[in-house]
Amino acid sequence: MKIDRVDVFPLAHTLDVPRGDGRGISARRATTIVRVSTDEGAHGWGQGGRPEVIRGVLAPLLVGEDPRETGRLWHRMFQASRGDRRSVGAVDVALWDV
């Protein structure tokens, strides 16, 4: 089994009424959905991270790799992303979901 595709779906929604948290008030909510697909038709899903990091840095590292090698892939992604834990975490969840 080999990874043949990593898709990134950035999502955003504007709230009718702005909401706040410890970081401030905003009317916009955003997240990223990640889908890892294999040559055998299996798919795994993850959520979070920065789309540009996942598309530009992590996805090229993963295509052609065995998704079951989660530990090795996690270390490669972490080093390549310079410690972007959210982006690596989103893809890692998708790999485990495969």
N, C-alpha and C. Protein backbone atom coordinates (compact mmCIF):
# COMPACT_ATOMS: atom_id res chain seq x y z
N MET A 1 0.85 -1.17 0.00
CA MET A 1 0.00 0.00 0.00
C MET A 1 0.90 1.24 0.00
N LYS A 2 0.59 2.18 -0.89
CA LYS A 2 1.37 3.42 -1.01
C LYS A 2 0.42 4.61 -1.06
N ILE A 3 0.89 5.72 -0.50
CA ILE A 3 0.13 6.97 -0.57
C ILE A 3 0.25 7.49 -2.00
N ASP A 4 -0.90 7.79 -2.62
CA ASP A 4 -0.83 8.34 -3.97
C ASP A 4 -1.38 9.75 -4.07
N ARG A 5 -1.95 10.25 -2.95
CA ARG A 5 -2.51 11.60 -3.03
C ARG A 5 -2.75 12.17 -1.63
N VAL A 6 -2.48 13.46 -1.47
CA VAL A 6 -2.82 14.19 -0.25
C VAL A 6 -3.61 15.41 -0.68
N ASP A 7 -4.88 15.46 -0.28
CA ASP A 7 -5.75 16.59 -0.62
C ASP A 7 -5.94 17.48 0.60
N VAL A 8 -6.01 18.78 0.35
CA VAL A 8 -6.17 19.76 1.42
C VAL A 8 -7.40 20.60 1.11
N PHE A 9 -8.30 20.71 2.10
CA PHE A 9 -9.53 21.47 1.94
C PHE A 9 -9.60 22.56 3.01
N PRO A 10 -9.17 23.79 2.68
CA PRO A 10 -9.31 24.87 3.65
C PRO A 10 -10.78 25.32 3.71
N LEU A 11 -11.31 25.44 4.90
CA LEU A 11 -12.70 25.84 5.08
C LEU A 11 -12.77 27.09 5.93
N ALA A 12 -13.73 27.97 5.63
CA ALA A 12 -13.93 29.18 6.43
C ALA A 12 -15.41 29.52 6.45
N HIS A 13 -15.82 30.14 7.55
CA HIS A 13 -17.21 30.53 7.72
C HIS A 13 -17.24 31.87 8.45
N THR A 14 -18.12 32.76 7.99
CA THR A 14 -18.30 34.03 8.67
C THR A 14 -19.53 33.94 9.56
N LEU A 15 -19.34 34.22 10.83
CA LEU A 15 -20.43 34.16 11.81
C LEU A 15 -21.32 35.38 11.69
N ASP A 16 -22.60 35.22 12.01
CA ASP A 16 -23.53 36.35 12.03
C ASP A 16 -23.15 37.34 13.13
N VAL A 17 -22.71 36.81 14.25
CA VAL A 17 -22.31 37.63 15.39
C VAL A 17 -20.87 37.25 15.75
N PRO A 18 -19.96 38.23 15.78
CA PRO A 18 -18.57 37.91 16.16
C PRO A 18 -18.49 37.27 17.55
N ARG A 19 -17.58 36.36 17.69
CA ARG A 19 -17.35 35.65 18.96
C ARG A 19 -15.91 35.84 19.37
N GLY A 20 -15.65 35.67 20.65
CA GLY A 20 -14.30 35.85 21.14
C GLY A 20 -13.82 34.71 21.98
N ASP A 21 -12.51 34.68 22.14
CA ASP A 21 -11.84 33.75 23.05
C ASP A 21 -10.61 34.48 23.59
N GLY A 22 -9.69 33.76 24.15
CA GLY A 22 -8.51 34.38 24.74
C GLY A 22 -7.61 35.09 23.75
N ARG A 23 -7.80 34.83 22.46
CA ARG A 23 -6.97 35.46 21.43
C ARG A 23 -7.61 36.70 20.83
N GLY A 24 -8.88 36.98 21.17
CA GLY A 24 -9.55 38.16 20.64
C GLY A 24 -10.92 37.82 20.08
N ILE A 25 -11.53 38.81 19.43
CA ILE A 25 -12.87 38.66 18.85
C ILE A 25 -12.75 38.60 17.34
N SER A 26 -13.53 37.69 16.75
CA SER A 26 -13.49 37.52 15.31
C SER A 26 -14.85 37.04 14.81
N ALA A 27 -15.19 37.42 13.59
CA ALA A 27 -16.42 36.94 12.96
C ALA A 27 -16.11 35.78 12.01
N ARG A 28 -14.86 35.40 11.91
CA ARG A 28 -14.46 34.35 10.96
C ARG A 28 -13.93 33.14 11.71
N ARG A 29 -14.34 31.97 11.27
CA ARG A 29 -13.82 30.71 11.79
C ARG A 29 -13.26 29.94 10.61
N ALA A 30 -12.09 29.35 10.80
CA ALA A 30 -11.45 28.63 9.70
C ALA A 30 -10.80 27.36 10.23
N THR A 31 -10.71 26.37 9.36
CA THR A 31 -10.01 25.13 9.66
C THR A 31 -9.56 24.51 8.35
N THR A 32 -8.80 23.45 8.45
CA THR A 32 -8.31 22.73 7.28
C THR A 32 -8.63 21.25 7.45
N ILE A 33 -9.14 20.64 6.40
CA ILE A 33 -9.40 19.21 6.37
C ILE A 33 -8.37 18.58 5.43
N VAL A 34 -7.79 17.45 5.85
CA VAL A 34 -6.77 16.76 5.06
C VAL A 34 -7.26 15.34 4.76
N ARG A 35 -7.11 14.93 3.50
CA ARG A 35 -7.43 13.55 3.11
C ARG A 35 -6.18 12.91 2.50
N VAL A 36 -5.78 11.78 3.06
CA VAL A 36 -4.67 11.00 2.51
C VAL A 36 -5.29 9.79 1.82
N SER A 37 -4.95 9.58 0.55
CA SER A 37 -5.49 8.47 -0.24
C SER A 37 -4.37 7.53 -0.66
N THR A 38 -4.71 6.24 -0.75
CA THR A 38 -3.71 5.24 -1.15
C THR A 38 -4.06 4.63 -2.50
N ASP A 39 -3.09 3.95 -3.06
CA ASP A 39 -3.27 3.27 -4.34
C ASP A 39 -4.24 2.10 -4.25
N GLU A 40 -4.59 1.68 -3.04
CA GLU A 40 -5.54 0.59 -2.84
C GLU A 40 -6.95 1.10 -2.55
N GLY A 41 -7.15 2.41 -2.63
CA GLY A 41 -8.48 2.98 -2.44
C GLY A 41 -8.85 3.34 -1.01
N ALA A 42 -7.91 3.22 -0.08
CA ALA A 42 -8.18 3.60 1.31
C ALA A 42 -7.98 5.11 1.46
N HIS A 43 -8.76 5.71 2.36
CA HIS A 43 -8.67 7.14 2.64
C HIS A 43 -8.61 7.36 4.14
N GLY A 44 -7.84 8.35 4.55
CA GLY A 44 -7.80 8.77 5.95
C GLY A 44 -7.99 10.26 6.02
N TRP A 45 -8.63 10.71 7.09
CA TRP A 45 -8.97 12.13 7.25
C TRP A 45 -8.34 12.70 8.51
N GLY A 46 -7.92 13.96 8.43
CA GLY A 46 -7.40 14.70 9.57
C GLY A 46 -7.89 16.13 9.50
N GLN A 47 -7.71 16.86 10.58
CA GLN A 47 -8.21 18.24 10.64
C GLN A 47 -7.20 19.13 11.33
N GLY A 48 -6.97 20.31 10.74
CA GLY A 48 -6.11 21.32 11.35
C GLY A 48 -4.90 21.62 10.48
N GLY A 49 -4.08 22.53 10.96
CA GLY A 49 -2.84 22.85 10.26
C GLY A 49 -2.99 23.95 9.24
N ARG A 50 -1.87 24.27 8.63
CA ARG A 50 -1.82 25.33 7.62
C ARG A 50 -1.78 24.71 6.23
N PRO A 51 -2.75 25.06 5.39
CA PRO A 51 -2.84 24.46 4.05
C PRO A 51 -1.54 24.57 3.25
N GLU A 52 -0.88 25.73 3.32
CA GLU A 52 0.33 25.92 2.52
C GLU A 52 1.46 24.99 2.97
N VAL A 53 1.54 24.70 4.25
CA VAL A 53 2.57 23.78 4.76
C VAL A 53 2.23 22.35 4.35
N ILE A 54 0.97 21.99 4.49
CA ILE A 54 0.57 20.62 4.14
C ILE A 54 0.77 20.37 2.65
N ARG A 55 0.31 21.31 1.82
CA ARG A 55 0.45 21.15 0.37
C ARG A 55 1.90 21.22 -0.10
N GLY A 56 2.61 22.24 0.36
CA GLY A 56 3.92 22.52 -0.19
C GLY A 56 5.08 21.75 0.44
N VAL A 57 4.92 21.34 1.70
CA VAL A 57 6.04 20.70 2.39
C VAL A 57 5.75 19.23 2.69
N LEU A 58 4.59 18.95 3.29
CA LEU A 58 4.31 17.60 3.77
C LEU A 58 3.85 16.65 2.67
N ALA A 59 2.93 17.08 1.82
CA ALA A 59 2.40 16.19 0.78
C ALA A 59 3.50 15.61 -0.12
N PRO A 60 4.45 16.43 -0.59
CA PRO A 60 5.51 15.85 -1.44
C PRO A 60 6.36 14.79 -0.74
N LEU A 61 6.47 14.87 0.59
CA LEU A 61 7.22 13.86 1.34
C LEU A 61 6.47 12.53 1.42
N LEU A 62 5.14 12.59 1.32
CA LEU A 62 4.32 11.42 1.60
C LEU A 62 3.99 10.58 0.37
N VAL A 63 3.84 11.20 -0.78
CA VAL A 63 3.45 10.46 -1.97
C VAL A 63 4.49 9.38 -2.27
N GLY A 64 4.01 8.15 -2.41
CA GLY A 64 4.86 7.00 -2.67
C GLY A 64 5.28 6.25 -1.42
N GLU A 65 4.96 6.79 -0.24
CA GLU A 65 5.33 6.16 1.03
C GLU A 65 4.23 5.22 1.52
N ASP A 66 4.59 4.32 2.40
CA ASP A 66 3.65 3.40 3.04
C ASP A 66 2.99 4.13 4.22
N PRO A 67 1.66 4.33 4.22
CA PRO A 67 1.00 5.08 5.29
C PRO A 67 1.06 4.41 6.64
N ARG A 68 1.40 3.12 6.67
CA ARG A 68 1.47 2.40 7.94
C ARG A 68 2.75 2.69 8.71
N GLU A 69 3.70 3.36 8.08
CA GLU A 69 4.95 3.71 8.75
C GLU A 69 4.83 5.07 9.43
N THR A 70 3.85 5.18 10.33
CA THR A 70 3.49 6.46 10.92
C THR A 70 4.63 7.11 11.71
N GLY A 71 5.37 6.34 12.47
CA GLY A 71 6.46 6.91 13.26
C GLY A 71 7.54 7.54 12.41
N ARG A 72 8.00 6.80 11.41
CA ARG A 72 9.03 7.31 10.52
C ARG A 72 8.55 8.54 9.75
N LEU A 73 7.31 8.47 9.26
CA LEU A 73 6.75 9.61 8.52
C LEU A 73 6.56 10.83 9.41
N TRP A 74 6.16 10.60 10.65
CA TRP A 74 5.98 11.73 11.58
C TRP A 74 7.30 12.47 11.74
N HIS A 75 8.38 11.75 11.96
CA HIS A 75 9.68 12.40 12.14
C HIS A 75 10.11 13.17 10.89
N ARG A 76 9.91 12.59 9.73
CA ARG A 76 10.25 13.29 8.47
C ARG A 76 9.43 14.56 8.32
N MET A 77 8.12 14.47 8.60
CA MET A 77 7.25 15.65 8.47
C MET A 77 7.63 16.72 9.48
N PHE A 78 7.90 16.31 10.72
CA PHE A 78 8.23 17.27 11.77
C PHE A 78 9.49 18.04 11.42
N GLN A 79 10.51 17.34 10.94
CA GLN A 79 11.75 18.01 10.55
C GLN A 79 11.55 18.93 9.35
N ALA A 80 10.83 18.46 8.35
CA ALA A 80 10.62 19.25 7.14
C ALA A 80 9.77 20.49 7.39
N SER A 81 8.83 20.39 8.32
CA SER A 81 7.93 21.51 8.59
C SER A 81 8.49 22.47 9.64
N ARG A 82 9.69 22.15 10.14
CA ARG A 82 10.33 22.96 11.19
C ARG A 82 9.47 23.04 12.44
N GLY A 83 8.87 21.92 12.78
CA GLY A 83 8.14 21.82 14.03
C GLY A 83 6.71 22.33 14.00
N ASP A 84 6.08 22.39 12.83
CA ASP A 84 4.69 22.83 12.74
C ASP A 84 3.79 21.69 13.23
N ARG A 85 3.57 21.64 14.54
CA ARG A 85 2.85 20.53 15.16
C ARG A 85 1.41 20.39 14.68
N ARG A 86 0.73 21.48 14.41
CA ARG A 86 -0.67 21.40 13.96
C ARG A 86 -0.77 20.75 12.58
N SER A 87 0.09 21.18 11.67
CA SER A 87 0.05 20.61 10.32
C SER A 87 0.46 19.15 10.34
N VAL A 88 1.53 18.84 11.05
CA VAL A 88 1.99 17.45 11.16
C VAL A 88 0.92 16.61 11.84
N GLY A 89 0.30 17.14 12.88
CA GLY A 89 -0.74 16.40 13.60
C GLY A 89 -1.93 16.08 12.73
N ALA A 90 -2.34 17.02 11.91
CA ALA A 90 -3.49 16.79 11.02
C ALA A 90 -3.20 15.65 10.05
N VAL A 91 -2.01 15.66 9.46
CA VAL A 91 -1.65 14.61 8.51
C VAL A 91 -1.43 13.28 9.24
N ASP A 92 -0.85 13.34 10.43
CA ASP A 92 -0.63 12.12 11.21
C ASP A 92 -1.95 11.43 11.54
N VAL A 93 -2.96 12.20 11.91
CA VAL A 93 -4.28 11.61 12.19
C VAL A 93 -4.83 10.95 10.92
N ALA A 94 -4.66 11.60 9.78
CA ALA A 94 -5.13 11.03 8.52
C ALA A 94 -4.38 9.72 8.20
N LEU A 95 -3.08 9.68 8.49
CA LEU A 95 -2.31 8.45 8.25
C LEU A 95 -2.83 7.32 9.14
N TRP A 96 -3.08 7.60 10.41
CA TRP A 96 -3.62 6.58 11.30
C TRP A 96 -5.01 6.16 10.86
N ASP A 97 -5.79 7.08 10.31
CA ASP A 97 -7.13 6.76 9.86
C ASP A 97 -7.12 5.83 8.65
N VAL A 98 -6.07 5.93 7.82
CA VAL A 98 -5.94 5.02 6.67
C VAL A 98 -5.90 3.58 7.20
